[in-house]
């Protein structure tokens, strides 16, 4: 079982690591792109344009997640008809959603302009970047479904090769268009656009060799998978993604209102969470594949063994990252910024970053297992409770001040007397709320797990 977990997790981790590497290279190309507005404006435009696509595409991540769990169950049950159906449904929804983004590209751009509100110079270039790259939306959303399907088929190598191919193609084409043809920021966008469509072609060629059956005509017209179950799963994950976006954007928005220094501090500390997630997501992918496979095969013994060993790996990764952050946190953050004035402020809030791995490892592990079990309604409820607690913890002093002013004054006086910054410091309270959000998801899913791990005699 350990070998199976690592065989699935390691390629998924390598796939995740290529994402920030590509971002660094894109920024390096942007930073050396000739422009009348200067390198800073080009960097800002690429950052703003990328943010727009991240917000839009994140909503459609349910295509990857649902495809993974449903396919893994079909794989475990030895049901190629269901495997074919999940892939085809995911690709069709990806094409429809991508086409819808193309039709609504102008309203999306205008809404982003209002929400982000960059300078006129940055927005002009960001718009040019967006107007080119948006034509890759159908390819990107189809790849979401394909990547999830491959994970469900116990194959994380193909997504890794895809990520490597796309990133190398993107880097080569963007550099060629910018430095060879002098296209500016439009060259960066065009390089990304072409790499997305070439990536889709690349994965289709790979799949024809190993999964020829999905391209062949189905032998029967009867659905191999209840469509109601498929769409319920996608709907649950869609609302879950919306709540995740609300919390993540709230952390950034609240930090921005606390001033540039604390916004920078929170951005740096969130890199601890991001870096840890690259490794934890790898084991979550293994959880998706194995739990779905053993659930579909009706093997509760193997499912429980996989869960125990996944949690062992998740805990070990959390301990390693906690030690790294505890003993090397400040030097690590020093690599991300050369602004010496930020470091004292970062050190004040560093303990929150140190405990992130231990607070969140169970969340990542359970997410992978629940996706494999297609227990999406339980996942949705866990994040509903966690989101409510996040806002309750953060806004508690505000509510107390409004409804019980005398109690608030007493509480504030006691905090000052105890020299406690937990609630008197808004940023400490923000990080406390975020950690409780992560812990609540872990606890809720742990409490619901025993019933879910009792496999019924027939599939859902």
Protein backbone atom coordinates (compact mmCIF):
# COMPACT_ATOMS: atom_id res chain seq x y z
CA UNK A 1 0.00 0.00 0.00
CA UNK A 2 2.85 2.40 0.79
CA UNK A 3 4.26 1.79 -2.69
CA UNK A 4 0.88 2.45 -4.28
CA UNK A 5 0.51 5.69 -2.34
CA UNK A 6 3.97 6.94 -3.31
CA UNK A 7 3.53 5.84 -6.94
CA UNK A 8 0.52 8.14 -7.14
CA UNK A 9 1.65 10.94 -4.81
CA UNK A 10 5.17 11.65 -6.09
CA UNK A 11 4.19 12.48 -9.72
CA UNK A 12 1.30 14.61 -8.39
CA UNK A 13 3.73 16.54 -6.15
CA UNK A 14 6.10 17.10 -9.08
CA UNK A 15 3.14 18.32 -11.15
CA UNK A 16 2.25 20.84 -8.42
CA UNK A 17 5.81 22.11 -8.14
CA UNK A 18 5.93 22.99 -11.85
CA UNK A 19 3.16 25.58 -11.34
CA UNK A 20 5.20 28.13 -9.30
CA UNK A 21 8.26 27.49 -11.44
CA UNK A 22 6.29 28.51 -14.52
CA UNK A 23 5.02 31.59 -12.70
CA UNK A 24 8.57 32.61 -11.85
CA UNK A 25 9.72 32.22 -15.47
CA UNK A 26 6.68 34.14 -16.76
CA UNK A 27 7.46 36.99 -14.37
CA UNK A 28 11.12 36.91 -15.42
CA UNK A 29 10.10 37.23 -19.08
CA UNK A 30 7.67 40.02 -18.18
CA UNK A 31 10.34 41.80 -16.16
CA UNK A 32 12.59 41.93 -19.25
CA UNK A 33 9.86 42.78 -21.75
CA UNK A 34 10.49 46.11 -23.50
CA UNK A 35 7.65 48.55 -22.79
CA UNK A 36 7.13 52.30 -22.82
CA UNK A 37 5.39 51.96 -19.45
CA UNK A 38 8.35 50.22 -17.77
CA UNK A 39 9.00 46.72 -16.43
CA UNK A 40 6.93 47.29 -13.27
CA UNK A 41 3.80 47.95 -15.33
CA UNK A 42 4.35 44.80 -17.42
CA UNK A 43 4.86 42.71 -14.26
CA UNK A 44 1.67 44.19 -12.79
CA UNK A 45 -0.27 43.50 -15.98
CA UNK A 46 0.78 39.83 -16.09
CA UNK A 47 -0.08 39.51 -12.39
CA UNK A 48 -3.52 41.12 -12.83
CA UNK A 49 -4.29 39.09 -15.95
CA UNK A 50 -3.26 35.87 -14.25
CA UNK A 51 -5.42 36.74 -11.23
CA UNK A 52 -8.51 37.11 -13.43
CA UNK A 53 -8.04 33.65 -14.90
CA UNK A 54 -7.26 32.12 -11.50
CA UNK A 55 -10.55 33.45 -10.11
CA UNK A 56 -12.58 32.24 -13.10
CA UNK A 57 -10.95 28.83 -13.50
CA UNK A 58 -10.95 28.06 -9.77
CA UNK A 59 -14.75 28.02 -9.85
CA UNK A 60 -14.67 25.24 -12.45
CA UNK A 61 -12.24 23.05 -10.53
CA UNK A 62 -15.21 20.80 -9.75
CA UNK A 63 -14.62 19.26 -13.20
CA UNK A 64 -11.32 17.80 -12.02
CA UNK A 65 -12.52 16.78 -8.58
CA UNK A 66 -15.74 15.01 -9.60
CA UNK A 67 -14.06 13.25 -12.53
CA UNK A 68 -11.41 11.86 -10.18
CA UNK A 69 -13.73 10.30 -7.61
CA UNK A 70 -16.33 8.93 -10.03
CA UNK A 71 -13.70 7.46 -12.34
CA UNK A 72 -11.80 5.84 -9.46
CA UNK A 73 -14.99 4.08 -8.35
CA UNK A 74 -15.67 2.91 -11.90
CA UNK A 75 -12.07 1.70 -12.15
CA UNK A 76 -12.39 -0.28 -8.91
CA UNK A 77 -15.68 -1.78 -10.09
CA UNK A 78 -14.14 -2.76 -13.44
CA UNK A 79 -16.74 -0.75 -15.34
CA UNK A 80 -15.22 0.69 -18.56
CA UNK A 81 -18.60 2.03 -19.71
CA UNK A 82 -18.81 4.25 -16.62
CA UNK A 83 -15.17 5.29 -17.06
CA UNK A 84 -15.90 6.37 -20.64
CA UNK A 85 -19.07 8.19 -19.61
CA UNK A 86 -17.40 10.24 -16.86
CA UNK A 87 -14.68 11.43 -19.24
CA UNK A 88 -17.09 12.33 -22.02
CA UNK A 89 -19.44 14.19 -19.68
CA UNK A 90 -16.53 16.12 -18.14
CA UNK A 91 -15.10 17.12 -21.52
CA UNK A 92 -18.52 18.21 -22.82
CA UNK A 93 -19.15 20.36 -19.74
CA UNK A 94 -15.65 21.79 -20.09
CA UNK A 95 -16.30 22.74 -23.73
CA UNK A 96 -19.68 24.31 -22.87
CA UNK A 97 -18.27 26.22 -19.89
CA UNK A 98 -15.24 27.36 -21.88
CA UNK A 99 -17.50 28.60 -24.68
CA UNK A 100 -19.63 30.43 -22.11
CA UNK A 101 -16.50 32.19 -20.80
CA UNK A 102 -15.70 33.27 -24.37
CA UNK A 103 -19.22 34.66 -24.81
CA UNK A 104 -19.04 36.51 -21.47
CA UNK A 105 -15.43 37.63 -21.78
CA UNK A 106 -16.27 41.34 -21.84
CA UNK A 107 -18.50 41.35 -18.69
CA UNK A 108 -15.89 39.23 -16.87
CA UNK A 109 -13.20 41.76 -17.79
CA UNK A 110 -15.30 44.71 -16.63
CA UNK A 111 -16.16 43.05 -13.31
CA UNK A 112 -12.46 42.29 -12.76
CA UNK A 113 -11.62 45.92 -13.50
CA UNK A 114 -13.99 47.09 -10.77
CA UNK A 115 -12.77 44.51 -8.24
CA UNK A 116 -9.01 44.87 -8.84
CA UNK A 117 -8.88 48.56 -9.89
CA UNK A 118 -5.26 48.76 -11.09
CA UNK A 119 -3.67 51.84 -12.66
CA UNK A 120 -4.66 52.81 -16.21
CA UNK A 121 -1.27 51.76 -17.65
CA UNK A 122 -1.41 48.34 -15.98
CA UNK A 123 -5.05 47.80 -16.95
CA UNK A 124 -4.43 48.64 -20.59
CA UNK A 125 -1.75 45.93 -20.87
CA UNK A 126 -3.67 43.49 -18.65
CA UNK A 127 -6.66 43.82 -20.98
CA UNK A 128 -4.49 43.01 -24.00
CA UNK A 129 -3.11 39.99 -22.15
CA UNK A 130 -6.61 38.84 -21.16
CA UNK A 131 -8.15 39.32 -24.62
CA UNK A 132 -5.65 36.89 -26.12
CA UNK A 133 -5.37 34.30 -23.36
CA UNK A 134 -9.14 33.99 -22.82
CA UNK A 135 -9.40 31.95 -26.05
CA UNK A 136 -7.72 29.08 -24.23
CA UNK A 137 -10.65 28.66 -21.81
CA UNK A 138 -12.22 25.59 -23.54
CA UNK A 139 -8.85 23.80 -23.60
CA UNK A 140 -8.13 24.61 -19.94
CA UNK A 141 -11.52 23.35 -18.70
CA UNK A 142 -11.30 20.20 -20.82
CA UNK A 143 -7.89 19.53 -19.27
CA UNK A 144 -9.45 19.86 -15.81
CA UNK A 145 -11.78 16.96 -16.62
CA UNK A 146 -9.04 14.92 -18.30
CA UNK A 147 -6.58 15.33 -15.41
CA UNK A 148 -9.22 14.28 -12.88
CA UNK A 149 -10.16 11.28 -15.01
CA UNK A 150 -6.51 10.17 -15.25
CA UNK A 151 -6.07 10.38 -11.46
CA UNK A 152 -9.19 8.24 -11.09
CA UNK A 153 -7.61 5.74 -13.48
CA UNK A 154 -4.68 5.49 -11.02
CA UNK A 155 -2.45 7.41 -13.43
CA UNK A 156 -0.68 10.53 -12.10
CA UNK A 157 2.23 10.15 -14.53
CA UNK A 158 0.29 11.47 -17.53
CA UNK A 159 -0.75 14.69 -15.71
CA UNK A 160 2.92 15.14 -14.72
CA UNK A 161 4.11 14.74 -18.33
CA UNK A 162 1.36 17.10 -19.44
CA UNK A 163 2.41 19.76 -16.92
CA UNK A 164 6.06 19.48 -17.94
CA UNK A 165 5.18 19.65 -21.66
CA UNK A 166 2.86 22.63 -21.20
CA UNK A 167 5.32 24.57 -19.05
CA UNK A 168 8.29 24.02 -21.36
CA UNK A 169 6.17 24.90 -24.39
CA UNK A 170 4.86 28.02 -22.66
CA UNK A 171 8.35 29.19 -21.69
CA UNK A 172 9.79 28.57 -25.17
CA UNK A 173 6.92 30.20 -27.09
CA UNK A 174 6.58 33.19 -24.75
CA UNK A 175 10.32 33.88 -24.89
CA UNK A 176 10.32 33.47 -28.70
CA UNK A 177 7.39 35.85 -29.20
CA UNK A 178 8.73 38.48 -26.78
CA UNK A 179 12.46 38.45 -27.54
CA UNK A 180 12.40 37.06 -31.07
CA UNK A 181 9.41 38.90 -32.52
CA UNK A 182 9.22 41.85 -30.11
CA UNK A 183 5.53 41.27 -29.35
CA UNK A 184 5.60 42.54 -25.75
CA UNK A 185 2.98 41.36 -23.27
CA UNK A 186 0.85 40.05 -26.15
CA UNK A 187 3.65 37.55 -26.84
CA UNK A 188 3.46 36.21 -23.28
CA UNK A 189 -0.30 35.76 -23.62
CA UNK A 190 0.00 34.11 -27.03
CA UNK A 191 2.65 31.70 -25.73
CA UNK A 192 0.33 30.68 -22.88
CA UNK A 193 -2.66 30.33 -25.22
CA UNK A 194 -0.85 28.06 -27.66
CA UNK A 195 0.64 25.94 -24.86
CA UNK A 196 -2.87 25.29 -23.52
CA UNK A 197 -4.21 23.99 -26.84
CA UNK A 198 -1.00 22.08 -27.58
CA UNK A 199 -1.25 20.53 -24.11
CA UNK A 200 -4.75 19.28 -24.90
CA UNK A 201 -3.48 17.76 -28.16
CA UNK A 202 -0.51 16.21 -26.32
CA UNK A 203 -2.65 14.45 -23.73
CA UNK A 204 -5.07 13.18 -26.39
CA UNK A 205 -2.15 11.57 -28.24
CA UNK A 206 -0.95 9.93 -25.01
CA UNK A 207 -4.44 8.66 -24.18
CA UNK A 208 -5.03 7.16 -27.63
CA UNK A 209 -2.15 4.78 -26.96
CA UNK A 210 -3.29 3.57 -23.53
CA UNK A 211 -7.02 4.34 -23.29
CA UNK A 212 -8.23 3.67 -26.82
CA UNK A 213 -11.60 2.44 -25.51
CA UNK A 214 -12.72 5.95 -24.51
CA UNK A 215 -12.49 7.10 -28.14
CA UNK A 216 -14.50 4.18 -29.45
CA UNK A 217 -18.25 4.15 -29.86
CA UNK A 218 -20.10 2.89 -26.80
CA UNK A 219 -21.55 -0.59 -27.18
CA UNK A 220 -24.80 0.39 -25.47
CA UNK A 221 -26.84 3.58 -25.24
CA UNK A 222 -27.87 2.89 -21.63
CA UNK A 223 -26.12 5.20 -19.14
CA UNK A 224 -23.48 3.40 -17.08
CA UNK A 225 -23.62 6.08 -14.37
CA UNK A 226 -26.74 7.74 -12.93
CA UNK A 227 -26.68 11.27 -14.31
CA UNK A 228 -28.36 12.59 -11.17
CA UNK A 229 -25.42 11.36 -9.09
CA UNK A 230 -22.95 12.95 -11.51
CA UNK A 231 -24.59 16.38 -11.46
CA UNK A 232 -25.25 16.30 -7.68
CA UNK A 233 -21.55 15.61 -7.13
CA UNK A 234 -20.55 18.52 -9.39
CA UNK A 235 -23.06 20.89 -7.79
CA UNK A 236 -21.83 20.12 -4.27
CA UNK A 237 -18.20 20.69 -5.29
CA UNK A 238 -19.13 23.91 -7.13
CA UNK A 239 -20.63 25.46 -3.98
CA UNK A 240 -17.70 24.16 -1.94
CA UNK A 241 -15.28 25.93 -4.29
CA UNK A 242 -17.28 29.15 -3.97
CA UNK A 243 -16.96 29.06 -0.17
CA UNK A 244 -13.23 28.37 -0.42
CA UNK A 245 -12.88 31.40 -2.70
CA UNK A 246 -14.87 33.54 -0.25
CA UNK A 247 -12.56 32.66 2.66
CA UNK A 248 -9.33 32.99 0.65
CA UNK A 249 -10.36 36.33 -0.85
CA UNK A 250 -11.52 37.55 2.56
CA UNK A 251 -8.08 36.88 4.05
CA UNK A 252 -6.50 38.95 1.28
CA UNK A 253 -9.13 41.71 1.39
CA UNK A 254 -8.96 42.08 5.19
CA UNK A 255 -5.17 42.15 5.04
CA UNK A 256 -5.31 44.87 2.38
CA UNK A 257 -7.44 47.03 4.67
CA UNK A 258 -4.89 46.69 7.46
CA UNK A 259 -2.23 48.48 5.40
CA UNK A 260 0.50 47.65 2.92
CA UNK A 261 2.84 46.23 5.55
CA UNK A 262 0.40 43.68 6.96
CA UNK A 263 -0.82 42.82 3.48
CA UNK A 264 2.77 41.99 2.52
CA UNK A 265 3.27 40.04 5.77
CA UNK A 266 0.14 37.96 5.18
CA UNK A 267 1.11 37.34 1.56
CA UNK A 268 4.49 36.02 2.68
CA UNK A 269 3.00 33.80 5.39
CA UNK A 270 0.41 32.40 2.99
CA UNK A 271 3.35 31.07 0.98
CA UNK A 272 3.90 28.65 3.88
CA UNK A 273 0.38 27.33 3.32
CA UNK A 274 0.85 27.24 -0.48
CA UNK A 275 4.18 25.42 -0.31
CA UNK A 276 2.80 22.85 2.13
CA UNK A 277 -0.28 22.37 -0.06
CA UNK A 278 1.86 21.39 -3.06
CA UNK A 279 3.06 18.32 -1.15
CA UNK A 280 -0.18 17.58 0.71
CA UNK A 281 -2.21 17.78 -2.51
CA UNK A 282 0.01 15.03 -3.91
CA UNK A 283 -1.09 12.66 -1.16
CA UNK A 284 -4.67 13.92 -1.50
CA UNK A 285 -4.53 12.84 -5.17
CA UNK A 286 -3.38 9.40 -4.02
CA UNK A 287 -6.32 9.38 -1.60
CA UNK A 288 -8.75 10.22 -4.40
CA UNK A 289 -7.46 7.40 -6.59
CA UNK A 290 -7.14 4.67 -3.96
CA UNK A 291 -10.23 5.35 -1.85
CA UNK A 292 -12.42 5.57 -4.96
CA UNK A 293 -10.86 2.42 -6.38
CA UNK A 294 -11.38 0.33 -3.22
CA UNK A 295 -14.86 1.76 -2.71
CA UNK A 296 -15.82 0.78 -6.25
CA UNK A 297 -14.27 -2.68 -5.77
CA UNK A 298 -16.25 -3.13 -2.49
CA UNK A 299 -13.03 -3.74 -0.50
CA UNK A 300 -13.50 -2.11 2.94
CA UNK A 301 -10.36 -3.80 4.27
CA UNK A 302 -8.13 -2.18 1.64
CA UNK A 303 -9.97 1.13 1.98
CA UNK A 304 -9.29 1.33 5.74
CA UNK A 305 -5.66 0.31 5.21
CA UNK A 306 -5.27 3.05 2.60
CA UNK A 307 -6.85 5.64 4.91
CA UNK A 308 -4.54 4.75 7.81
CA UNK A 309 -1.41 4.87 5.68
CA UNK A 310 -2.45 8.07 3.90
CA UNK A 311 -2.86 9.75 7.26
CA UNK A 312 0.56 8.46 8.33
CA UNK A 313 2.17 10.06 5.27
CA UNK A 314 0.15 13.26 5.69
CA UNK A 315 1.21 13.56 9.34
CA UNK A 316 4.88 12.90 8.54
CA UNK A 317 4.84 15.61 5.85
CA UNK A 318 3.20 18.01 8.34
CA UNK A 319 5.87 17.32 10.99
CA UNK A 320 8.68 17.87 8.47
CA UNK A 321 7.23 21.18 7.26
CA UNK A 322 6.54 22.34 10.82
CA UNK A 323 10.18 21.72 11.70
CA UNK A 324 11.37 23.53 8.56
CA UNK A 325 9.16 26.53 9.29
CA UNK A 326 10.09 26.60 12.99
CA UNK A 327 13.86 26.50 12.49
CA UNK A 328 14.19 28.03 9.04
CA UNK A 329 11.09 30.18 8.69
CA UNK A 330 12.77 33.58 8.78
CA UNK A 331 15.63 32.63 6.40
CA UNK A 332 13.03 31.13 4.05
CA UNK A 333 10.98 34.33 4.10
CA UNK A 334 14.19 36.29 3.62
CA UNK A 335 14.55 34.56 0.24
CA UNK A 336 11.16 35.92 -0.80
CA UNK A 337 11.88 39.56 0.02
CA UNK A 338 14.88 41.81 0.46
CA UNK A 339 12.84 44.47 2.29
CA UNK A 340 14.50 44.42 5.73
CA UNK A 341 11.75 46.59 7.21
CA UNK A 342 9.21 43.77 6.71
CA UNK A 343 11.11 41.13 8.68
CA UNK A 344 10.30 42.43 12.23
CA UNK A 345 6.59 42.51 11.33
CA UNK A 346 6.81 39.02 9.83
CA UNK A 347 8.47 37.62 12.96
CA UNK A 348 5.51 38.83 15.06
CA UNK A 349 3.08 36.67 13.09
CA UNK A 350 5.46 33.82 12.21
CA UNK A 351 4.02 31.38 14.83
CA UNK A 352 0.78 31.23 12.82
CA UNK A 353 2.71 30.14 9.74
CA UNK A 354 4.59 27.50 11.74
CA UNK A 355 1.43 25.73 12.92
CA UNK A 356 -0.30 25.75 9.50
CA UNK A 357 0.93 22.23 8.52
CA UNK A 358 -0.31 20.59 11.73
CA UNK A 359 -3.62 22.46 11.54
CA UNK A 360 -4.32 21.56 7.92
CA UNK A 361 -2.81 18.14 7.14
CA UNK A 362 -5.98 16.25 8.09
CA UNK A 363 -8.03 18.58 5.87
CA UNK A 364 -5.96 17.68 2.82
CA UNK A 365 -6.01 13.95 3.64
CA UNK A 366 -9.77 13.81 4.21
CA UNK A 367 -10.47 15.91 1.12
CA UNK A 368 -8.74 13.32 -1.06
CA UNK A 369 -10.51 10.41 0.63
CA UNK A 370 -13.93 12.08 0.52
CA UNK A 371 -13.49 12.91 -3.18
CA UNK A 372 -12.73 9.25 -3.88
CA UNK A 373 -15.85 8.25 -1.96
CA UNK A 374 -17.82 11.01 -3.76
CA UNK A 375 -18.99 12.12 -0.31
CA UNK A 376 -19.40 15.61 -1.70
CA UNK A 377 -22.42 16.62 0.38
CA UNK A 378 -20.46 15.92 3.56
CA UNK A 379 -17.53 17.96 2.18
CA UNK A 380 -19.90 20.83 1.48
CA UNK A 381 -21.37 20.80 4.98
CA UNK A 382 -17.93 20.71 6.60
CA UNK A 383 -16.82 23.82 4.74
CA UNK A 384 -20.13 25.58 5.46
CA UNK A 385 -19.53 25.15 9.19
CA UNK A 386 -15.87 26.13 8.82
CA UNK A 387 -16.73 29.28 6.85
CA UNK A 388 -19.34 30.34 9.40
CA UNK A 389 -16.82 29.87 12.21
CA UNK A 390 -14.17 31.80 10.28
CA UNK A 391 -16.36 34.89 10.10
CA UNK A 392 -17.76 34.38 13.60
CA UNK A 393 -14.29 34.29 15.17
CA UNK A 394 -13.05 37.27 13.20
CA UNK A 395 -16.09 39.49 13.70
CA UNK A 396 -16.85 38.47 17.33
CA UNK A 397 -15.35 41.64 18.90
CA UNK A 398 -17.31 43.79 16.41
CA UNK A 399 -20.55 42.01 17.29
CA UNK A 400 -19.84 42.31 21.02
CA UNK A 401 -19.05 46.01 20.63
CA UNK A 402 -22.36 46.61 18.81
CA UNK A 403 -24.69 44.52 20.98
CA UNK A 404 -22.89 44.46 24.35
CA UNK A 405 -20.71 47.60 24.56
CA UNK A 406 -20.08 47.29 28.31
CA UNK A 407 -18.87 43.71 27.90
CA UNK A 408 -16.67 44.80 25.01
CA UNK A 409 -15.01 47.54 27.07
CA UNK A 410 -14.40 45.08 29.91
CA UNK A 411 -12.99 42.47 27.51
CA UNK A 412 -10.76 45.03 25.81
CA UNK A 413 -9.51 46.25 29.18
CA UNK A 414 -8.67 42.71 30.27
CA UNK A 415 -6.84 42.07 27.01
CA UNK A 416 -4.76 45.19 27.49
CA UNK A 417 -4.02 44.24 31.09
CA UNK A 418 -2.88 40.77 30.04
CA UNK A 419 -0.88 42.31 27.17
CA UNK A 420 -2.63 39.88 24.84
CA UNK A 421 -2.69 40.66 21.12
CA UNK A 422 -4.93 37.75 20.17
CA UNK A 423 -8.10 39.80 19.94
CA UNK A 424 -6.82 43.34 20.29
CA UNK A 425 -4.65 42.84 17.17
CA UNK A 426 -6.87 42.46 14.10
CA UNK A 427 -4.27 40.55 12.11
CA UNK A 428 -3.72 38.01 14.89
CA UNK A 429 -7.48 37.55 14.99
CA UNK A 430 -7.54 37.04 11.23
CA UNK A 431 -4.94 34.25 11.44
CA UNK A 432 -6.74 32.66 14.41
CA UNK A 433 -9.95 32.61 12.34
CA UNK A 434 -8.13 31.04 9.38
CA UNK A 435 -6.56 28.30 11.53
CA UNK A 436 -9.94 27.54 13.13
CA UNK A 437 -11.41 27.35 9.61
CA UNK A 438 -8.86 24.67 8.69
CA UNK A 439 -9.29 22.77 11.96
CA UNK A 440 -13.09 22.81 11.70
CA UNK A 441 -12.96 21.17 8.29
CA UNK A 442 -10.64 18.49 9.68
CA UNK A 443 -12.75 17.81 12.77
CA UNK A 444 -16.07 17.76 10.90
CA UNK A 445 -14.79 15.32 8.29
CA UNK A 446 -13.20 13.12 10.97
CA UNK A 447 -16.51 12.87 12.81
CA UNK A 448 -18.40 11.93 9.64
CA UNK A 449 -15.80 9.45 8.37
CA UNK A 450 -16.71 6.24 10.32
CA UNK A 451 -20.11 5.99 8.67
CA UNK A 452 -18.69 6.72 5.22
CA UNK A 453 -16.00 4.06 5.50
CA UNK A 454 -18.65 1.35 5.91
CA UNK A 455 -18.99 0.35 2.25
CA UNK A 456 -22.49 -0.70 1.11
CA UNK A 457 -23.02 -3.78 -1.01
CA UNK A 458 -23.98 -1.76 -4.08
CA UNK A 459 -22.52 1.46 -5.52
CA UNK A 460 -24.27 4.80 -4.78
